[in-house]
PDB file of all heavy atoms in Angstrom:
ATOM      1  N   ALA A   1     200.700 -54.117 294.195  1.00  0.00           N
ATOM      2  CA  ALA A   1     199.893 -55.069 294.962  1.00  0.00           C
ATOM      3  C   ALA A   1     198.714 -54.363 295.622  1.00  0.00           C
ATOM      4  O   ALA A   1     198.774 -53.170 295.931  1.00  0.00           O
ATOM      5  CB  ALA A   1     200.750 -55.745 296.020  1.00  0.00           C
ATOM      6  N   ALA A   2     197.627 -55.102 295.844  1.00  0.00           N
ATOM      7  CA  ALA A   2     196.462 -54.588 296.558  1.00  0.00           C
ATOM      8  C   ALA A   2     195.655 -55.767 297.081  1.00  0.00           C
ATOM      9  O   ALA A   2     195.627 -56.846 296.471  1.00  0.00           O
ATOM     10  CB  ALA A   2     195.601 -53.712 295.654  1.00  0.00           C
ATOM     11  N   ASP A   3     194.986 -55.558 298.203  1.00  0.00           N
ATOM     12  CA  ASP A   3     194.175 -56.608 298.825  1.00  0.00           C
ATOM     13  C   ASP A   3     192.765 -56.540 298.253  1.00  0.00           C
ATOM     14  O   ASP A   3     191.862 -55.950 298.851  1.00  0.00           O
ATOM     15  CB  ASP A   3     194.170 -56.431 300.344  1.00  0.00           C
ATOM     16  CG  ASP A   3     193.450 -57.574 301.053  1.00  0.00           C
ATOM     17  OD1 ASP A   3     193.239 -58.624 300.411  1.00  0.00           O
ATOM     18  OD2 ASP A   3     193.102 -57.407 302.239  1.00  0.00           O
ATOM     19  N   ILE A   4     192.589 -57.099 297.055  1.00  0.00           N
ATOM     20  CA  ILE A   4     191.288 -57.127 296.406  1.00  0.00           C
ATOM     21  C   ILE A   4     190.966 -58.571 296.033  1.00  0.00           C
ATOM     22  O   ILE A   4     191.861 -59.402 295.864  1.00  0.00           O
ATOM     23  CB  ILE A   4     191.248 -56.221 295.160  1.00  0.00           C
ATOM     24  CG1 ILE A   4     192.320 -56.635 294.141  1.00  0.00           C
ATOM     25  CG2 ILE A   4     191.446 -54.763 295.570  1.00  0.00           C
ATOM     26  CD1 ILE A   4     192.301 -55.809 292.852  1.00  0.00           C
ATOM     27  N   THR A   5     189.653 -58.866 295.911  1.00  0.00           N
ATOM     28  CA  THR A   5     189.208 -60.240 295.702  1.00  0.00           C
ATOM     29  C   THR A   5     188.222 -60.298 294.552  1.00  0.00           C
ATOM     30  O   THR A   5     187.389 -59.399 294.386  1.00  0.00           O
ATOM     31  CB  THR A   5     188.539 -60.787 296.981  1.00  0.00           C
ATOM     32  OG1 THR A   5     189.461 -60.685 298.067  1.00  0.00           O
ATOM     33  CG2 THR A   5     188.128 -62.244 296.811  1.00  0.00           C
ATOM     34  N   ARG A   6     188.287 -61.347 293.793  1.00  0.00           N
ATOM     35  CA  ARG A   6     187.408 -61.565 292.647  1.00  0.00           C
ATOM     36  C   ARG A   6     185.943 -61.548 293.075  1.00  0.00           C
ATOM     37  O   ARG A   6     185.552 -62.201 294.047  1.00  0.00           O
ATOM     38  CB  ARG A   6     187.767 -62.909 292.011  1.00  0.00           C
ATOM     39  CG  ARG A   6     187.043 -63.262 290.727  1.00  0.00           C
ATOM     40  CD  ARG A   6     187.497 -64.650 290.298  1.00  0.00           C
ATOM     41  NE  ARG A   6     186.769 -65.143 289.149  1.00  0.00           N
ATOM     42  CZ  ARG A   6     187.182 -65.013 287.890  1.00  0.00           C
ATOM     43  NH1 ARG A   6     188.321 -64.409 287.643  1.00  0.00           N
ATOM     44  NH2 ARG A   6     186.464 -65.500 286.894  1.00  0.00           N
ATOM     45  N   ASN A   7     185.133 -60.731 292.355  1.00  0.00           N
ATOM     46  CA  ASN A   7     183.692 -60.617 292.588  1.00  0.00           C
ATOM     47  C   ASN A   7     183.324 -60.149 293.989  1.00  0.00           C
ATOM     48  O   ASN A   7     182.248 -60.462 294.499  1.00  0.00           O
ATOM     49  CB  ASN A   7     182.975 -61.939 292.272  1.00  0.00           C
ATOM     50  CG  ASN A   7     182.651 -62.067 290.792  1.00  0.00           C
ATOM     51  OD1 ASN A   7     182.478 -61.070 290.095  1.00  0.00           O
ATOM     52  ND2 ASN A   7     182.584 -63.298 290.308  1.00  0.00           N
ATOM     53  N   GLU A   8     184.207 -59.370 294.614  1.00  0.00           N
ATOM     54  CA  GLU A   8     183.918 -58.732 295.898  1.00  0.00           C
ATOM     55  C   GLU A   8     184.144 -57.231 295.752  1.00  0.00           C
ATOM     56  O   GLU A   8     185.095 -56.791 295.104  1.00  0.00           O
ATOM     57  CB  GLU A   8     184.819 -59.286 297.007  1.00  0.00           C
ATOM     58  CG  GLU A   8     184.607 -60.755 297.328  1.00  0.00           C
ATOM     59  CD  GLU A   8     183.288 -61.019 298.033  1.00  0.00           C
ATOM     60  OE1 GLU A   8     182.736 -60.063 298.638  1.00  0.00           O
ATOM     61  OE2 GLU A   8     182.805 -62.166 297.980  1.00  0.00           O
ATOM     62  N   TRP A   9     183.269 -56.453 296.384  1.00  0.00           N
ATOM     63  CA  TRP A   9     183.405 -55.004 296.305  1.00  0.00           C
ATOM     64  C   TRP A   9     184.695 -54.528 296.953  1.00  0.00           C
ATOM     65  O   TRP A   9     185.080 -55.005 298.023  1.00  0.00           O
ATOM     66  CB  TRP A   9     182.226 -54.309 297.000  1.00  0.00           C
ATOM     67  CG  TRP A   9     180.939 -54.356 296.245  1.00  0.00           C
ATOM     68  CD1 TRP A   9     179.823 -55.072 296.568  1.00  0.00           C
ATOM     69  CD2 TRP A   9     180.612 -53.646 295.051  1.00  0.00           C
ATOM     70  NE1 TRP A   9     178.823 -54.868 295.652  1.00  0.00           N
ATOM     71  CE2 TRP A   9     179.283 -53.985 294.712  1.00  0.00           C
ATOM     72  CE3 TRP A   9     181.296 -52.754 294.236  1.00  0.00           C
ATOM     73  CZ2 TRP A   9     178.626 -53.470 293.587  1.00  0.00           C
ATOM     74  CZ3 TRP A   9     180.655 -52.239 293.112  1.00  0.00           C
ATOM     75  CH2 TRP A   9     179.339 -52.591 292.793  1.00  0.00           C
ATOM     76  N   PHE A  10     185.386 -53.585 296.308  1.00  0.00           N
ATOM     77  CA  PHE A  10     186.493 -52.868 296.933  1.00  0.00           C
ATOM     78  C   PHE A  10     186.379 -51.392 296.550  1.00  0.00           C
ATOM     79  O   PHE A  10     185.780 -51.036 295.533  1.00  0.00           O
ATOM     80  CB  PHE A  10     187.853 -53.441 296.523  1.00  0.00           C
ATOM     81  CG  PHE A  10     188.202 -53.305 295.068  1.00  0.00           C
ATOM     82  CD1 PHE A  10     188.888 -52.205 294.582  1.00  0.00           C
ATOM     83  CD2 PHE A  10     187.841 -54.307 294.159  1.00  0.00           C
ATOM     84  CE1 PHE A  10     189.219 -52.087 293.237  1.00  0.00           C
ATOM     85  CE2 PHE A  10     188.162 -54.203 292.805  1.00  0.00           C
ATOM     86  CZ  PHE A  10     188.856 -53.086 292.349  1.00  0.00           C
ATOM     87  N   HIS A  11     186.966 -50.553 297.364  1.00  0.00           N
ATOM     88  CA  HIS A  11     186.918 -49.112 297.128  1.00  0.00           C
ATOM     89  C   HIS A  11     188.228 -48.670 296.495  1.00  0.00           C
ATOM     90  O   HIS A  11     189.306 -49.086 296.927  1.00  0.00           O
ATOM     91  CB  HIS A  11     186.686 -48.353 298.437  1.00  0.00           C
ATOM     92  CG  HIS A  11     186.460 -46.879 298.229  1.00  0.00           C
ATOM     93  ND1 HIS A  11     185.256 -46.366 297.796  1.00  0.00           N
ATOM     94  CD2 HIS A  11     187.297 -45.807 298.377  1.00  0.00           C
ATOM     95  CE1 HIS A  11     185.346 -45.051 297.707  1.00  0.00           C
ATOM     96  NE2 HIS A  11     186.574 -44.684 298.038  1.00  0.00           N
ATOM     97  N   ALA A  12     188.144 -47.830 295.488  1.00  0.00           N
ATOM     98  CA  ALA A  12     189.334 -47.304 294.818  1.00  0.00           C
ATOM     99  C   ALA A  12     189.295 -45.781 294.812  1.00  0.00           C
ATOM    100  O   ALA A  12     188.251 -45.179 294.562  1.00  0.00           O
ATOM    101  CB  ALA A  12     189.429 -47.830 293.385  1.00  0.00           C
ATOM    102  N   THR A  13     190.438 -45.183 295.091  1.00  0.00           N
ATOM    103  CA  THR A  13     190.619 -43.740 294.997  1.00  0.00           C
ATOM    104  C   THR A  13     191.746 -43.478 294.012  1.00  0.00           C
ATOM    105  O   THR A  13     192.844 -44.030 294.161  1.00  0.00           O
ATOM    106  CB  THR A  13     190.970 -43.128 296.358  1.00  0.00           C
ATOM    107  OG1 THR A  13     189.922 -43.418 297.287  1.00  0.00           O
ATOM    108  CG2 THR A  13     191.134 -41.623 296.241  1.00  0.00           C
ATOM    109  N   ILE A  14     191.478 -42.659 293.010  1.00  0.00           N
ATOM    110  CA  ILE A  14     192.451 -42.366 291.957  1.00  0.00           C
ATOM    111  C   ILE A  14     192.717 -40.863 291.977  1.00  0.00           C
ATOM    112  O   ILE A  14     191.791 -40.063 291.845  1.00  0.00           O
ATOM    113  CB  ILE A  14     191.908 -42.799 290.585  1.00  0.00           C
ATOM    114  CG1 ILE A  14     191.591 -44.298 290.593  1.00  0.00           C
ATOM    115  CG2 ILE A  14     192.903 -42.460 289.472  1.00  0.00           C
ATOM    116  CD1 ILE A  14     190.747 -44.746 289.426  1.00  0.00           C
ATOM    117  N   GLU A  15     193.975 -40.511 292.147  1.00  0.00           N
ATOM    118  CA  GLU A  15     194.343 -39.094 292.225  1.00  0.00           C
ATOM    119  C   GLU A  15     195.365 -38.786 291.137  1.00  0.00           C
ATOM    120  O   GLU A  15     196.409 -39.435 291.052  1.00  0.00           O
ATOM    121  CB  GLU A  15     194.923 -38.780 293.598  1.00  0.00           C
ATOM    122  CG  GLU A  15     195.233 -37.317 293.820  1.00  0.00           C
ATOM    123  CD  GLU A  15     195.709 -37.033 295.232  1.00  0.00           C
ATOM    124  OE1 GLU A  15     194.871 -37.087 296.161  1.00  0.00           O
ATOM    125  OE2 GLU A  15     196.923 -36.771 295.402  1.00  0.00           O
ATOM    126  N   VAL A  16     195.067 -37.788 290.320  1.00  0.00           N
ATOM    127  CA  VAL A  16     195.939 -37.388 289.219  1.00  0.00           C
ATOM    128  C   VAL A  16     196.281 -35.911 289.373  1.00  0.00           C
ATOM    129  O   VAL A  16     195.380 -35.064 289.467  1.00  0.00           O
ATOM    130  CB  VAL A  16     195.267 -37.628 287.850  1.00  0.00           C
ATOM    131  CG1 VAL A  16     196.117 -37.064 286.719  1.00  0.00           C
ATOM    132  CG2 VAL A  16     195.026 -39.124 287.639  1.00  0.00           C
ATOM    133  N   ARG A  17     197.580 -35.620 289.422  1.00  0.00           N
ATOM    134  CA  ARG A  17     198.079 -34.239 289.417  1.00  0.00           C
ATOM    135  C   ARG A  17     199.162 -34.159 288.346  1.00  0.00           C
ATOM    136  O   ARG A  17     200.235 -34.721 288.520  1.00  0.00           O
ATOM    137  CB  ARG A  17     198.661 -33.850 290.771  1.00  0.00           C
ATOM    138  CG  ARG A  17     197.662 -33.753 291.911  1.00  0.00           C
ATOM    139  CD  ARG A  17     198.360 -33.351 293.194  1.00  0.00           C
ATOM    140  NE  ARG A  17     197.502 -33.366 294.356  1.00  0.00           N
ATOM    141  CZ  ARG A  17     196.840 -32.317 294.835  1.00  0.00           C
ATOM    142  NH1 ARG A  17     196.965 -31.148 294.222  1.00  0.00           N
ATOM    143  NH2 ARG A  17     196.080 -32.406 295.889  1.00  0.00           N
ATOM    144  N   GLY A  18     198.881 -33.482 287.253  1.00  0.00           N
ATOM    145  CA  GLY A  18     199.844 -33.431 286.158  1.00  0.00           C
ATOM    146  C   GLY A  18     200.082 -34.833 285.613  1.00  0.00           C
ATOM    147  O   GLY A  18     199.151 -35.525 285.208  1.00  0.00           O
ATOM    148  N   ASN A  19     201.336 -35.273 285.618  1.00  0.00           N
ATOM    149  CA  ASN A  19     201.646 -36.637 285.171  1.00  0.00           C
ATOM    150  C   ASN A  19     201.863 -37.586 286.337  1.00  0.00           C
ATOM    151  O   ASN A  19     202.445 -38.658 286.177  1.00  0.00           O
ATOM    152  CB  ASN A  19     202.882 -36.634 284.258  1.00  0.00           C
ATOM    153  CG  ASN A  19     204.133 -36.125 284.970  1.00  0.00           C
ATOM    154  OD1 ASN A  19     204.075 -35.682 286.120  1.00  0.00           O
ATOM    155  ND2 ASN A  19     205.264 -36.186 284.290  1.00  0.00           N
ATOM    156  N   HIS A  20     201.401 -37.203 287.522  1.00  0.00           N
ATOM    157  CA  HIS A  20     201.588 -37.999 288.733  1.00  0.00           C
ATOM    158  C   HIS A  20     200.284 -38.719 289.064  1.00  0.00           C
ATOM    159  O   HIS A  20     199.234 -38.101 289.188  1.00  0.00           O
ATOM    160  CB  HIS A  20     201.999 -37.083 289.884  1.00  0.00           C
ATOM    161  CG  HIS A  20     202.476 -37.797 291.099  1.00  0.00           C
ATOM    162  ND1 HIS A  20     202.746 -37.177 292.294  1.00  0.00           N
ATOM    163  CD2 HIS A  20     202.740 -39.122 291.305  1.00  0.00           C
ATOM    164  CE1 HIS A  20     203.150 -38.054 293.182  1.00  0.00           C
ATOM    165  NE2 HIS A  20     203.157 -39.249 292.607  1.00  0.00           N
ATOM    166  N   LEU A  21     200.361 -40.041 289.218  1.00  0.00           N
ATOM    167  CA  LEU A  21     199.183 -40.870 289.505  1.00  0.00           C
ATOM    168  C   LEU A  21     199.370 -41.596 290.828  1.00  0.00           C
ATOM    169  O   LEU A  21     200.384 -42.253 291.053  1.00  0.00           O
ATOM    170  CB  LEU A  21     198.970 -41.901 288.388  1.00  0.00           C
ATOM    171  CG  LEU A  21     197.944 -43.011 288.661  1.00  0.00           C
ATOM    172  CD1 LEU A  21     196.531 -42.435 288.762  1.00  0.00           C
ATOM    173  CD2 LEU A  21     198.008 -44.090 287.571  1.00  0.00           C
ATOM    174  N   LYS A  22     198.375 -41.457 291.719  1.00  0.00           N
ATOM    175  CA  LYS A  22     198.329 -42.229 292.953  1.00  0.00           C
ATOM    176  C   LYS A  22     197.035 -43.029 292.976  1.00  0.00           C
ATOM    177  O   LYS A  22     195.979 -42.524 292.595  1.00  0.00           O
ATOM    178  CB  LYS A  22     198.383 -41.320 294.179  1.00  0.00           C
ATOM    179  CG  LYS A  22     199.717 -40.639 294.415  1.00  0.00           C
ATOM    180  CD  LYS A  22     199.679 -39.829 295.717  1.00  0.00           C
ATOM    181  CE  LYS A  22     201.001 -39.140 295.981  1.00  0.00           C
ATOM    182  NZ  LYS A  22     200.962 -38.355 297.251  1.00  0.00           N
ATOM    183  N   VAL A  23     197.136 -44.279 293.437  1.00  0.00           N
ATOM    184  CA  VAL A  23     195.975 -45.151 293.541  1.00  0.00           C
ATOM    185  C   VAL A  23     195.923 -45.723 294.953  1.00  0.00           C
ATOM    186  O   VAL A  23     196.913 -46.296 295.431  1.00  0.00           O
ATOM    187  CB  VAL A  23     196.031 -46.292 292.509  1.00  0.00           C
ATOM    188  CG1 VAL A  23     194.763 -47.142 292.597  1.00  0.00           C
ATOM    189  CG2 VAL A  23     196.218 -45.745 291.101  1.00  0.00           C
ATOM    190  N   PHE A  24     194.780 -45.567 295.604  1.00  0.00           N
ATOM    191  CA  PHE A  24     194.564 -46.108 296.940  1.00  0.00           C
ATOM    192  C   PHE A  24     193.418 -47.116 296.860  1.00  0.00           C
ATOM    193  O   PHE A  24     192.431 -46.877 296.171  1.00  0.00           O
ATOM    194  CB  PHE A  24     194.171 -45.011 297.924  1.00  0.00           C
ATOM    195  CG  PHE A  24     195.123 -43.837 297.986  1.00  0.00           C
ATOM    196  CD1 PHE A  24     195.090 -42.850 297.004  1.00  0.00           C
ATOM    197  CD2 PHE A  24     196.020 -43.703 299.029  1.00  0.00           C
ATOM    198  CE1 PHE A  24     195.945 -41.751 297.065  1.00  0.00           C
ATOM    199  CE2 PHE A  24     196.877 -42.615 299.108  1.00  0.00           C
ATOM    200  CZ  PHE A  24     196.844 -41.642 298.119  1.00  0.00           C
ATOM    201  N   THR A  25     193.525 -48.231 297.569  1.00  0.00           N
ATOM    202  CA  THR A  25     192.427 -49.184 297.631  1.00  0.00           C
ATOM    203  C   THR A  25     191.966 -49.343 299.065  1.00  0.00           C
ATOM    204  O   THR A  25     192.776 -49.315 300.010  1.00  0.00           O
ATOM    205  CB  THR A  25     192.823 -50.559 297.071  1.00  0.00           C
ATOM    206  OG1 THR A  25     193.948 -51.069 297.792  1.00  0.00           O
ATOM    207  CG2 THR A  25     193.156 -50.467 295.591  1.00  0.00           C
ATOM    208  N   ASN A  26     190.636 -49.500 299.216  1.00  0.00           N
ATOM    209  CA  ASN A  26     190.016 -49.756 300.520  1.00  0.00           C
ATOM    210  C   ASN A  26     190.422 -48.736 301.576  1.00  0.00           C
ATOM    211  O   ASN A  26     190.673 -49.084 302.737  1.00  0.00           O
ATOM    212  CB  ASN A  26     190.337 -51.182 300.973  1.00  0.00           C
ATOM    213  CG  ASN A  26     189.749 -52.215 300.029  1.00  0.00           C
ATOM    214  OD1 ASN A  26     188.646 -52.037 299.512  1.00  0.00           O
ATOM    215  ND2 ASN A  26     190.501 -53.275 299.757  1.00  0.00           N
ATOM    216  N   LYS A  27     190.528 -47.464 301.125  1.00  0.00           N
ATOM    217  CA  LYS A  27     190.796 -46.318 302.002  1.00  0.00           C
ATOM    218  C   LYS A  27     192.131 -46.435 302.745  1.00  0.00           C
ATOM    219  O   LYS A  27     192.289 -45.907 303.859  1.00  0.00           O
ATOM    220  CB  LYS A  27     189.642 -46.125 302.985  1.00  0.00           C
ATOM    221  CG  LYS A  27     188.305 -45.859 302.286  1.00  0.00           C
ATOM    222  CD  LYS A  27     187.208 -45.509 303.252  1.00  0.00           C
ATOM    223  CE  LYS A  27     185.868 -45.321 302.546  1.00  0.00           C
ATOM    224  NZ  LYS A  27     185.860 -44.216 301.557  1.00  0.00           N
ATOM    225  N   ASN A  28     193.099 -47.120 302.151  1.00  0.00           N
ATOM    226  CA  ASN A  28     194.441 -47.165 302.731  1.00  0.00           C
ATOM    227  C   ASN A  28     195.027 -45.758 302.791  1.00  0.00           C
ATOM    228  O   ASN A  28     194.911 -45.000 301.823  1.00  0.00           O
ATOM    229  CB  ASN A  28     195.366 -48.055 301.894  1.00  0.00           C
ATOM    230  CG  ASN A  28     195.012 -49.522 302.008  1.00  0.00           C
ATOM    231  OD1 ASN A  28     194.430 -49.942 302.997  1.00  0.00           O
ATOM    232  ND2 ASN A  28     195.337 -50.291 300.979  1.00  0.00           N
ATOM    233  N   PRO A  29     195.695 -45.378 303.893  1.00  0.00           N
ATOM    234  CA  PRO A  29     196.290 -44.038 303.958  1.00  0.00           C
ATOM    235  C   PRO A  29     197.493 -43.877 303.036  1.00  0.00           C
ATOM    236  O   PRO A  29     197.809 -42.763 302.617  1.00  0.00           O
ATOM    237  CB  PRO A  29     196.696 -43.915 305.431  1.00  0.00           C
ATOM    238  CG  PRO A  29     196.842 -45.326 305.922  1.00  0.00           C
ATOM    239  CD  PRO A  29     195.837 -46.124 305.165  1.00  0.00           C
ATOM    240  N   LYS A  30     198.170 -44.976 302.714  1.00  0.00           N
ATOM    241  CA  LYS A  30     199.307 -44.932 301.798  1.00  0.00           C
ATOM    242  C   LYS A  30     198.884 -45.481 300.440  1.00  0.00           C
ATOM    243  O   LYS A  30     198.138 -46.452 300.362  1.00  0.00           O
ATOM    244  CB  LYS A  30     200.480 -45.745 302.349  1.00  0.00           C
ATOM    245  CG  LYS A  30     201.089 -45.156 303.616  1.00  0.00           C
ATOM    246  CD  LYS A  30     202.306 -45.949 304.054  1.00  0.00           C
ATOM    247  CE  LYS A  30     202.940 -45.335 305.290  1.00  0.00           C
ATOM    248  NZ  LYS A  30     204.154 -46.090 305.724  1.00  0.00           N
ATOM    249  N   PRO A  31     199.367 -44.896 299.355  1.00  0.00           N
ATOM    250  CA  PRO A  31     198.942 -45.366 298.034  1.00  0.00           C
ATOM    251  C   PRO A  31     199.488 -46.747 297.715  1.00  0.00           C
ATOM    252  O   PRO A  31     200.628 -47.067 298.037  1.00  0.00           O
ATOM    253  CB  PRO A  31     199.524 -44.310 297.089  1.00  0.00           C
ATOM    254  CG  PRO A  31     200.673 -43.709 297.828  1.00  0.00           C
ATOM    255  CD  PRO A  31     200.294 -43.744 299.277  1.00  0.00           C
ATOM    256  N   ASN A  32     198.659 -47.558 297.073  1.00  0.00           N
ATOM    257  CA  ASN A  32     199.140 -48.835 296.543  1.00  0.00           C
ATOM    258  C   ASN A  32     200.050 -48.602 295.346  1.00  0.00           C
ATOM    259  O   ASN A  32     201.029 -49.314 295.151  1.00  0.00           O
ATOM    260  CB  ASN A  32     197.957 -49.708 296.125  1.00  0.00           C
ATOM    261  CG  ASN A  32     197.052 -50.052 297.271  1.00  0.00           C
ATOM    262  OD1 ASN A  32     196.183 -49.265 297.628  1.00  0.00           O
ATOM    263  ND2 ASN A  32     197.253 -51.208 297.879  1.00  0.00           N
ATOM    264  N   MET A  33     199.712 -47.602 294.548  1.00  0.00           N
ATOM    265  CA  MET A  33     200.505 -47.251 293.374  1.00  0.00           C
ATOM    266  C   MET A  33     200.808 -45.760 293.419  1.00  0.00           C
ATOM    267  O   MET A  33     199.929 -44.950 293.712  1.00  0.00           O
ATOM    268  CB  MET A  33     199.759 -47.622 292.095  1.00  0.00           C
ATOM    269  CG  MET A  33     200.455 -47.167 290.806  1.00  0.00           C
ATOM    270  SD  MET A  33     199.565 -47.666 289.301  1.00  0.00           S
ATOM    271  CE  MET A  33     200.083 -49.385 289.175  1.00  0.00           C
ATOM    272  N   ASP A  34     202.041 -45.399 293.119  1.00  0.00           N
ATOM    273  CA  ASP A  34     202.474 -44.001 293.108  1.00  0.00           C
ATOM    274  C   ASP A  34     203.513 -43.877 291.997  1.00  0.00           C
ATOM    275  O   ASP A  34     204.673 -44.219 292.173  1.00  0.00           O
ATOM    276  CB  ASP A  34     203.070 -43.631 294.466  1.00  0.00           C
ATOM    277  CG  ASP A  34     203.372 -42.145 294.602  1.00  0.00           C
ATOM    278  OD1 ASP A  34     203.372 -41.445 293.576  1.00  0.00           O
ATOM    279  OD2 ASP A  34     203.607 -41.687 295.737  1.00  0.00           O
ATOM    280  N   ILE A  35     203.083 -43.392 290.812  1.00  0.00           N
ATOM    281  CA  ILE A  35     203.940 -43.441 289.629  1.00  0.00           C
ATOM    282  C   ILE A  35     203.882 -42.140 288.843  1.00  0.00           C
ATOM    283  O   ILE A  35     202.980 -41.318 289.022  1.00  0.00           O
ATOM    284  CB  ILE A  35     203.531 -44.597 288.682  1.00  0.00           C
ATOM    285  CG1 ILE A  35     202.111 -44.375 288.150  1.00  0.00           C
ATOM    286  CG2 ILE A  35     203.672 -45.950 289.357  1.00  0.00           C
ATOM    287  CD1 ILE A  35     201.714 -45.308 287.022  1.00  0.00           C
ATOM    288  N   THR A  36     204.849 -41.962 287.955  1.00  0.00           N
ATOM    289  CA  THR A  36     204.816 -40.929 286.933  1.00  0.00           C
ATOM    290  C   THR A  36     204.289 -41.554 285.654  1.00  0.00           C
ATOM    291  O   THR A  36     204.866 -42.520 285.135  1.00  0.00           O
ATOM    292  CB  THR A  36     206.218 -40.347 286.690  1.00  0.00           C
ATOM    293  OG1 THR A  36     206.690 -39.751 287.897  1.00  0.00           O
ATOM    294  CG2 THR A  36     206.186 -39.302 285.586  1.00  0.00           C
TER     295      THR A  36
END
């Protein structure tokens, strides 16, 4: 889940370390997605 809206700007941060993926939206301190 993420608080994003159709045709509105949002900020995304994508962090990849090895096979680990974290995704943050709108500068949230906790990742919206944290997966292998």
